[in-house]
Amino acid sequence: DGKTEHTILNTDLALDQIPNVIGGKTGFTPLAGYSLLMTVADPSTKHRVIAVVLDDITRWQDIRTMVDWSFGAYTWK
């Protein structure tokens, strides 16, 4: 009816800090600890990087560092 408004909050830190995120999954197990998997695409080439960290309390920052390094260090042909 257009009269009801909802505010949606998201705790996924990657959505506003890591550009071009395709998807990701957080997790925790006693053996793996705090974990994160993320897929990010280069919009100009469509190449993708999949990054995974396990047992990492700073997983969001570490994923960002890994993704930035991957796109900066490699050239796909």
PDB file of N, CA and C in Angstrom:
ATOM      1  N   ASP A   1       0.815  -1.199   0.000  1.00  0.00           N
ATOM      2  CA  ASP A   1       0.000   0.000   0.000  1.00  0.00           C
ATOM      3  C   ASP A   1       0.859   1.264   0.000  1.00  0.00           C
ATOM      4  N   GLY A   2       2.172   1.119   0.175  1.00  0.00           N
ATOM      5  CA  GLY A   2       3.074   2.263   0.137  1.00  0.00           C
ATOM      6  C   GLY A   2       3.066   3.112   1.387  1.00  0.00           C
ATOM      7  N   LYS A   3       2.339   2.705   2.411  1.00  0.00           N
ATOM      8  CA  LYS A   3       2.242   3.507   3.633  1.00  0.00           C
ATOM      9  C   LYS A   3       3.159   3.002   4.739  1.00  0.00           C
ATOM     10  N   THR A   4       3.630   1.790   4.625  1.00  0.00           N
ATOM     11  CA  THR A   4       4.467   1.206   5.661  1.00  0.00           C
ATOM     12  C   THR A   4       5.932   1.318   5.257  1.00  0.00           C
ATOM     13  N   GLU A   5       6.745   1.803   6.179  1.00  0.00           N
ATOM     14  CA  GLU A   5       8.180   1.899   5.948  1.00  0.00           C
ATOM     15  C   GLU A   5       8.911   0.962   6.888  1.00  0.00           C
ATOM     16  N   HIS A   6       9.990   0.403   6.392  1.00  0.00           N
ATOM     17  CA  HIS A   6      10.835  -0.472   7.195  1.00  0.00           C
ATOM     18  C   HIS A   6      12.280  -0.025   7.041  1.00  0.00           C
ATOM     19  N   THR A   7      13.000  -0.027   8.128  1.00  0.00           N
ATOM     20  CA  THR A   7      14.430   0.243   8.096  1.00  0.00           C
ATOM     21  C   THR A   7      15.154  -1.089   8.183  1.00  0.00           C
ATOM     22  N   ILE A   8      16.038  -1.324   7.228  1.00  0.00           N
ATOM     23  CA  ILE A   8      16.786  -2.573   7.199  1.00  0.00           C
ATOM     24  C   ILE A   8      18.243  -2.264   7.515  1.00  0.00           C
ATOM     25  N   LEU A   9      18.775  -2.938   8.506  1.00  0.00           N
ATOM     26  CA  LEU A   9      20.175  -2.783   8.886  1.00  0.00           C
ATOM     27  C   LEU A   9      20.931  -4.040   8.494  1.00  0.00           C
ATOM     28  N   ASN A  10      22.147  -3.864   8.063  1.00  0.00           N
ATOM     29  CA  ASN A  10      22.973  -4.991   7.672  1.00  0.00           C
ATOM     30  C   ASN A  10      24.299  -4.892   8.414  1.00  0.00           C
ATOM     31  N   THR A  11      24.714  -5.982   9.005  1.00  0.00           N
ATOM     32  CA  THR A  11      25.979  -5.990   9.745  1.00  0.00           C
ATOM     33  C   THR A  11      27.145  -6.467   8.887  1.00  0.00           C
ATOM     34  N   ASP A  12      26.900  -6.710   7.614  1.00  0.00           N
ATOM     35  CA  ASP A  12      27.957  -7.150   6.706  1.00  0.00           C
ATOM     36  C   ASP A  12      28.856  -5.964   6.388  1.00  0.00           C
ATOM     37  N   LEU A  13      30.021  -5.930   6.989  1.00  0.00           N
ATOM     38  CA  LEU A  13      30.936  -4.804   6.836  1.00  0.00           C
ATOM     39  C   LEU A  13      31.449  -4.640   5.418  1.00  0.00           C
ATOM     40  N   ALA A  14      31.389  -5.695   4.638  1.00  0.00           N
ATOM     41  CA  ALA A  14      31.944  -5.631   3.282  1.00  0.00           C
ATOM     42  C   ALA A  14      31.085  -4.816   2.331  1.00  0.00           C
ATOM     43  N   LEU A  15      29.817  -4.695   2.602  1.00  0.00           N
ATOM     44  CA  LEU A  15      28.931  -4.040   1.649  1.00  0.00           C
ATOM     45  C   LEU A  15      29.292  -2.593   1.393  1.00  0.00           C
ATOM     46  N   ASP A  16      29.796  -1.906   2.376  1.00  0.00           N
ATOM     47  CA  ASP A  16      30.161  -0.508   2.141  1.00  0.00           C
ATOM     48  C   ASP A  16      31.673  -0.267   2.194  1.00  0.00           C
ATOM     49  N   GLN A  17      32.451  -1.303   2.426  1.00  0.00           N
ATOM     50  CA  GLN A  17      33.901  -1.126   2.520  1.00  0.00           C
ATOM     51  C   GLN A  17      34.680  -1.780   1.392  1.00  0.00           C
ATOM     52  N   ILE A  18      34.116  -2.789   0.779  1.00  0.00           N
ATOM     53  CA  ILE A  18      34.802  -3.496  -0.297  1.00  0.00           C
ATOM     54  C   ILE A  18      33.951  -3.367  -1.560  1.00  0.00           C
ATOM     55  N   PRO A  19      34.464  -2.686  -2.581  1.00  0.00           N
ATOM     56  CA  PRO A  19      33.667  -2.518  -3.796  1.00  0.00           C
ATOM     57  C   PRO A  19      33.555  -3.809  -4.608  1.00  0.00           C
ATOM     58  N   ASN A  20      32.450  -3.940  -5.319  1.00  0.00           N
ATOM     59  CA  ASN A  20      32.221  -5.023  -6.287  1.00  0.00           C
ATOM     60  C   ASN A  20      32.143  -6.410  -5.669  1.00  0.00           C
ATOM     61  N   VAL A  21      31.595  -6.498  -4.457  1.00  0.00           N
ATOM     62  CA  VAL A  21      31.403  -7.791  -3.811  1.00  0.00           C
ATOM     63  C   VAL A  21      30.280  -8.537  -4.531  1.00  0.00           C
ATOM     64  N   ILE A  22      30.544  -9.781  -4.882  1.00  0.00           N
ATOM     65  CA  ILE A  22      29.513 -10.638  -5.462  1.00  0.00           C
ATOM     66  C   ILE A  22      28.772 -11.362  -4.349  1.00  0.00           C
ATOM     67  N   GLY A  23      29.520 -11.850  -3.378  1.00  0.00           N
ATOM     68  CA  GLY A  23      28.898 -12.562  -2.269  1.00  0.00           C
ATOM     69  C   GLY A  23      29.935 -12.977  -1.253  1.00  0.00           C
ATOM     70  N   GLY A  24      29.439 -13.429  -0.124  1.00  0.00           N
ATOM     71  CA  GLY A  24      30.336 -13.870   0.924  1.00  0.00           C
ATOM     72  C   GLY A  24      29.596 -14.663   1.975  1.00  0.00           C
ATOM     73  N   LYS A  25      30.343 -15.300   2.841  1.00  0.00           N
ATOM     74  CA  LYS A  25      29.759 -16.090   3.913  1.00  0.00           C
ATOM     75  C   LYS A  25      30.666 -16.035   5.123  1.00  0.00           C
ATOM     76  N   THR A  26      30.079 -15.677   6.249  1.00  0.00           N
ATOM     77  CA  THR A  26      30.800 -15.719   7.514  1.00  0.00           C
ATOM     78  C   THR A  26      30.517 -17.046   8.196  1.00  0.00           C
ATOM     79  N   GLY A  27      31.349 -17.372   9.162  1.00  0.00           N
ATOM     80  CA  GLY A  27      31.107 -18.595   9.902  1.00  0.00           C
ATOM     81  C   GLY A  27      31.966 -18.670  11.147  1.00  0.00           C
ATOM     82  N   PHE A  28      31.602 -19.608  12.000  1.00  0.00           N
ATOM     83  CA  PHE A  28      32.395 -19.880  13.194  1.00  0.00           C
ATOM     84  C   PHE A  28      32.216 -21.339  13.560  1.00  0.00           C
ATOM     85  N   THR A  29      33.320 -22.012  13.787  1.00  0.00           N
ATOM     86  CA  THR A  29      33.326 -23.333  14.403  1.00  0.00           C
ATOM     87  C   THR A  29      34.486 -23.341  15.387  1.00  0.00           C
ATOM     88  N   PRO A  30      34.445 -24.214  16.372  1.00  0.00           N
ATOM     89  CA  PRO A  30      35.555 -24.255  17.322  1.00  0.00           C
ATOM     90  C   PRO A  30      36.912 -24.526  16.661  1.00  0.00           C
ATOM     91  N   LEU A  31      36.936 -25.336  15.616  1.00  0.00           N
ATOM     92  CA  LEU A  31      38.211 -25.641  14.957  1.00  0.00           C
ATOM     93  C   LEU A  31      38.648 -24.551  13.984  1.00  0.00           C
ATOM     94  N   ALA A  32      37.714 -23.995  13.224  1.00  0.00           N
ATOM     95  CA  ALA A  32      38.074 -22.990  12.208  1.00  0.00           C
ATOM     96  C   ALA A  32      38.075 -21.575  12.759  1.00  0.00           C
ATOM     97  N   GLY A  33      37.451 -21.356  13.901  1.00  0.00           N
ATOM     98  CA  GLY A  33      37.370 -20.008  14.465  1.00  0.00           C
ATOM     99  C   GLY A  33      36.480 -19.109  13.617  1.00  0.00           C
ATOM    100  N   TYR A  34      36.679 -17.797  13.739  1.00  0.00           N
ATOM    101  CA  TYR A  34      35.911 -16.832  12.953  1.00  0.00           C
ATOM    102  C   TYR A  34      36.441 -16.837  11.527  1.00  0.00           C
ATOM    103  N   SER A  35      35.566 -17.121  10.579  1.00  0.00           N
ATOM    104  CA  SER A  35      35.987 -17.326   9.202  1.00  0.00           C
ATOM    105  C   SER A  35      35.166 -16.468   8.251  1.00  0.00           C
ATOM    106  N   LEU A  36      35.724 -16.247   7.072  1.00  0.00           N
ATOM    107  CA  LEU A  36      35.036 -15.453   6.062  1.00  0.00           C
ATOM    108  C   LEU A  36      35.492 -15.893   4.680  1.00  0.00           C
ATOM    109  N   LEU A  37      34.531 -16.075   3.789  1.00  0.00           N
ATOM    110  CA  LEU A  37      34.790 -16.328   2.380  1.00  0.00           C
ATOM    111  C   LEU A  37      34.137 -15.194   1.611  1.00  0.00           C
ATOM    112  N   MET A  38      34.829 -14.655   0.622  1.00  0.00           N
ATOM    113  CA  MET A  38      34.265 -13.563  -0.160  1.00  0.00           C
ATOM    114  C   MET A  38      34.690 -13.685  -1.610  1.00  0.00           C
ATOM    115  N   THR A  39      33.753 -13.389  -2.510  1.00  0.00           N
ATOM    116  CA  THR A  39      34.026 -13.326  -3.943  1.00  0.00           C
ATOM    117  C   THR A  39      33.834 -11.892  -4.401  1.00  0.00           C
ATOM    118  N   VAL A  40      34.832 -11.366  -5.100  1.00  0.00           N
ATOM    119  CA  VAL A  40      34.812  -9.978  -5.571  1.00  0.00           C
ATOM    120  C   VAL A  40      35.178  -9.992  -7.053  1.00  0.00           C
ATOM    121  N   ALA A  41      34.506  -9.143  -7.840  1.00  0.00           N
ATOM    122  CA  ALA A  41      34.763  -9.083  -9.281  1.00  0.00           C
ATOM    123  C   ALA A  41      35.376  -7.748  -9.664  1.00  0.00           C
ATOM    124  N   ASP A  42      36.235  -7.789 -10.665  1.00  0.00           N
ATOM    125  CA  ASP A  42      36.735  -6.565 -11.290  1.00  0.00           C
ATOM    126  C   ASP A  42      35.692  -6.172 -12.335  1.00  0.00           C
ATOM    127  N   PRO A  43      35.029  -5.033 -12.177  1.00  0.00           N
ATOM    128  CA  PRO A  43      33.932  -4.693 -13.089  1.00  0.00           C
ATOM    129  C   PRO A  43      34.370  -4.475 -14.534  1.00  0.00           C
ATOM    130  N   SER A  44      35.621  -4.117 -14.750  1.00  0.00           N
ATOM    131  CA  SER A  44      36.064  -3.854 -16.121  1.00  0.00           C
ATOM    132  C   SER A  44      36.428  -5.133 -16.873  1.00  0.00           C
ATOM    133  N   THR A  45      36.906  -6.150 -16.165  1.00  0.00           N
ATOM    134  CA  THR A  45      37.330  -7.387 -16.831  1.00  0.00           C
ATOM    135  C   THR A  45      36.450  -8.584 -16.493  1.00  0.00           C
ATOM    136  N   LYS A  46      35.640  -8.455 -15.471  1.00  0.00           N
ATOM    137  CA  LYS A  46      34.773  -9.539 -14.990  1.00  0.00           C
ATOM    138  C   LYS A  46      35.551 -10.678 -14.329  1.00  0.00           C
ATOM    139  N   HIS A  47      36.855 -10.513 -14.120  1.00  0.00           N
ATOM    140  CA  HIS A  47      37.617 -11.528 -13.402  1.00  0.00           C
ATOM    141  C   HIS A  47      37.222 -11.493 -11.932  1.00  0.00           C
ATOM    142  N   ARG A  48      37.279 -12.649 -11.317  1.00  0.00           N
ATOM    143  CA  ARG A  48      36.864 -12.772  -9.921  1.00  0.00           C
ATOM    144  C   ARG A  48      38.016 -13.261  -9.056  1.00  0.00           C
ATOM    145  N   VAL A  49      37.992 -12.804  -7.821  1.00  0.00           N
ATOM    146  CA  VAL A  49      38.922 -13.285  -6.808  1.00  0.00           C
ATOM    147  C   VAL A  49      38.087 -13.874  -5.683  1.00  0.00           C
ATOM    148  N   ILE A  50      38.462 -15.060  -5.241  1.00  0.00           N
ATOM    149  CA  ILE A  50      37.819 -15.694  -4.092  1.00  0.00           C
ATOM    150  C   ILE A  50      38.844 -15.714  -2.974  1.00  0.00           C
ATOM    151  N   ALA A  51      38.498 -15.102  -1.860  1.00  0.00           N
ATOM    152  CA  ALA A  51      39.411 -15.021  -0.715  1.00  0.00           C
ATOM    153  C   ALA A  51      38.768 -15.710   0.488  1.00  0.00           C
ATOM    154  N   VAL A  52      39.588 -16.433   1.241  1.00  0.00           N
ATOM    155  CA  VAL A  52      39.111 -17.158   2.419  1.00  0.00           C
ATOM    156  C   VAL A  52      40.087 -16.929   3.561  1.00  0.00           C
ATOM    157  N   VAL A  53      39.551 -16.623   4.735  1.00  0.00           N
ATOM    158  CA  VAL A  53      40.368 -16.552   5.948  1.00  0.00           C
ATOM    159  C   VAL A  53      39.715 -17.407   7.026  1.00  0.00           C
ATOM    160  N   LEU A  54      40.545 -18.071   7.814  1.00  0.00           N
ATOM    161  CA  LEU A  54      40.087 -18.915   8.911  1.00  0.00           C
ATOM    162  C   LEU A  54      40.738 -18.457  10.204  1.00  0.00           C
ATOM    163  N   ASP A  55      39.999 -18.590  11.287  1.00  0.00           N
ATOM    164  CA  ASP A  55      40.497 -18.265  12.626  1.00  0.00           C
ATOM    165  C   ASP A  55      41.117 -16.869  12.652  1.00  0.00           C
ATOM    166  N   ASP A  56      40.329 -15.887  12.227  1.00  0.00           N
ATOM    167  CA  ASP A  56      40.848 -14.533  12.028  1.00  0.00           C
ATOM    168  C   ASP A  56      39.879 -13.514  12.624  1.00  0.00           C
ATOM    169  N   ILE A  57      40.241 -12.923  13.725  1.00  0.00           N
ATOM    170  CA  ILE A  57      39.376 -11.949  14.388  1.00  0.00           C
ATOM    171  C   ILE A  57      39.265 -10.656  13.575  1.00  0.00           C
ATOM    172  N   THR A  58      40.262 -10.366  12.745  1.00  0.00           N
ATOM    173  CA  THR A  58      40.222  -9.171  11.887  1.00  0.00           C
ATOM    174  C   THR A  58      39.932  -9.575  10.438  1.00  0.00           C
ATOM    175  N   ARG A  59      39.038 -10.533  10.271  1.00  0.00           N
ATOM    176  CA  ARG A  59      38.780 -11.121   8.955  1.00  0.00           C
ATOM    177  C   ARG A  59      38.318 -10.121   7.910  1.00  0.00           C
ATOM    178  N   TRP A  60      37.516  -9.115   8.295  1.00  0.00           N
ATOM    179  CA  TRP A  60      37.021  -8.139   7.313  1.00  0.00           C
ATOM    180  C   TRP A  60      38.171  -7.333   6.717  1.00  0.00           C
ATOM    181  N   GLN A  61      39.055  -6.839   7.555  1.00  0.00           N
ATOM    182  CA  GLN A  61      40.199  -6.066   7.066  1.00  0.00           C
ATOM    183  C   GLN A  61      41.162  -6.951   6.279  1.00  0.00           C
ATOM    184  N   ASP A  62      41.364  -8.167   6.744  1.00  0.00           N
ATOM    185  CA  ASP A  62      42.291  -9.062   6.051  1.00  0.00           C
ATOM    186  C   ASP A  62      41.764  -9.470   4.677  1.00  0.00           C
ATOM    187  N   ILE A  63      40.469  -9.690   4.564  1.00  0.00           N
ATOM    188  CA  ILE A  63      39.878  -9.990   3.250  1.00  0.00           C
ATOM    189  C   ILE A  63      40.062  -8.799   2.323  1.00  0.00           C
ATOM    190  N   ARG A  64      39.817  -7.600   2.828  1.00  0.00           N
ATOM    191  CA  ARG A  64      39.992  -6.391   2.006  1.00  0.00           C
ATOM    192  C   ARG A  64      41.439  -6.290   1.516  1.00  0.00           C
ATOM    193  N   THR A  65      42.389  -6.527   2.407  1.00  0.00           N
ATOM    194  CA  THR A  65      43.803  -6.480   2.037  1.00  0.00           C
ATOM    195  C   THR A  65      44.132  -7.525   0.969  1.00  0.00           C
ATOM    196  N   MET A  66      43.613  -8.729   1.135  1.00  0.00           N
ATOM    197  CA  MET A  66      43.869  -9.798   0.168  1.00  0.00           C
ATOM    198  C   MET A  66      43.290  -9.475  -1.206  1.00  0.00           C
ATOM    199  N   VAL A  67      42.061  -8.971  -1.227  1.00  0.00           N
ATOM    200  CA  VAL A  67      41.406  -8.640  -2.495  1.00  0.00           C
ATOM    201  C   VAL A  67      42.145  -7.503  -3.194  1.00  0.00           C
ATOM    202  N   ASP A  68      42.455  -6.444  -2.450  1.00  0.00           N
ATOM    203  CA  ASP A  68      43.186  -5.320  -3.041  1.00  0.00           C
ATOM    204  C   ASP A  68      44.525  -5.783  -3.609  1.00  0.00           C
ATOM    205  N   TRP A  69      45.245  -6.608  -2.853  1.00  0.00           N
ATOM    206  CA  TRP A  69      46.534  -7.104  -3.318  1.00  0.00           C
ATOM    207  C   TRP A  69      46.371  -7.956  -4.577  1.00  0.00           C
ATOM    208  N   SER A  70      45.373  -8.829  -4.589  1.00  0.00           N
ATOM    209  CA  SER A  70      45.168  -9.722  -5.734  1.00  0.00           C
ATOM    210  C   SER A  70      44.927  -8.952  -7.019  1.00  0.00           C
ATOM    211  N   PHE A  71      44.059  -7.954  -6.971  1.00  0.00           N
ATOM    212  CA  PHE A  71      43.774  -7.185  -8.177  1.00  0.00           C
ATOM    213  C   PHE A  71      44.951  -6.292  -8.569  1.00  0.00           C
ATOM    214  N   GLY A  72      45.749  -5.869  -7.602  1.00  0.00           N
ATOM    215  CA  GLY A  72      46.900  -5.029  -7.911  1.00  0.00           C
ATOM    216  C   GLY A  72      48.124  -5.798  -8.376  1.00  0.00           C
ATOM    217  N   ALA A  73      48.240  -7.054  -7.972  1.00  0.00           N
ATOM    218  CA  ALA A  73      49.449  -7.826  -8.245  1.00  0.00           C
ATOM    219  C   ALA A  73      49.370  -8.674  -9.511  1.00  0.00           C
ATOM    220  N   TYR A  74      48.161  -8.910 -10.007  1.00  0.00           N
ATOM    221  CA  TYR A  74      48.006  -9.805 -11.155  1.00  0.00           C
ATOM    222  C   TYR A  74      47.362  -9.090 -12.329  1.00  0.00           C
ATOM    223  N   THR A  75      47.735  -9.551 -13.519  1.00  0.00           N
ATOM    224  CA  THR A  75      47.106  -9.086 -14.748  1.00  0.00           C
ATOM    225  C   THR A  75      46.559 -10.305 -15.473  1.00  0.00           C
ATOM    226  N   TRP A  76      45.272 -10.292 -15.765  1.00  0.00           N
ATOM    227  CA  TRP A  76      44.659 -11.393 -16.499  1.00  0.00           C
ATOM    228  C   TRP A  76      44.666 -11.053 -17.979  1.00  0.00           C
ATOM    229  N   LYS A  77      44.951 -12.064 -18.794  1.00  0.00           N
ATOM    230  CA  LYS A  77      44.976 -11.853 -20.249  1.00  0.00           C
ATOM    231  C   LYS A  77      44.055 -12.821 -20.936  1.00  0.00           C
TER     232      LYS A  77
END
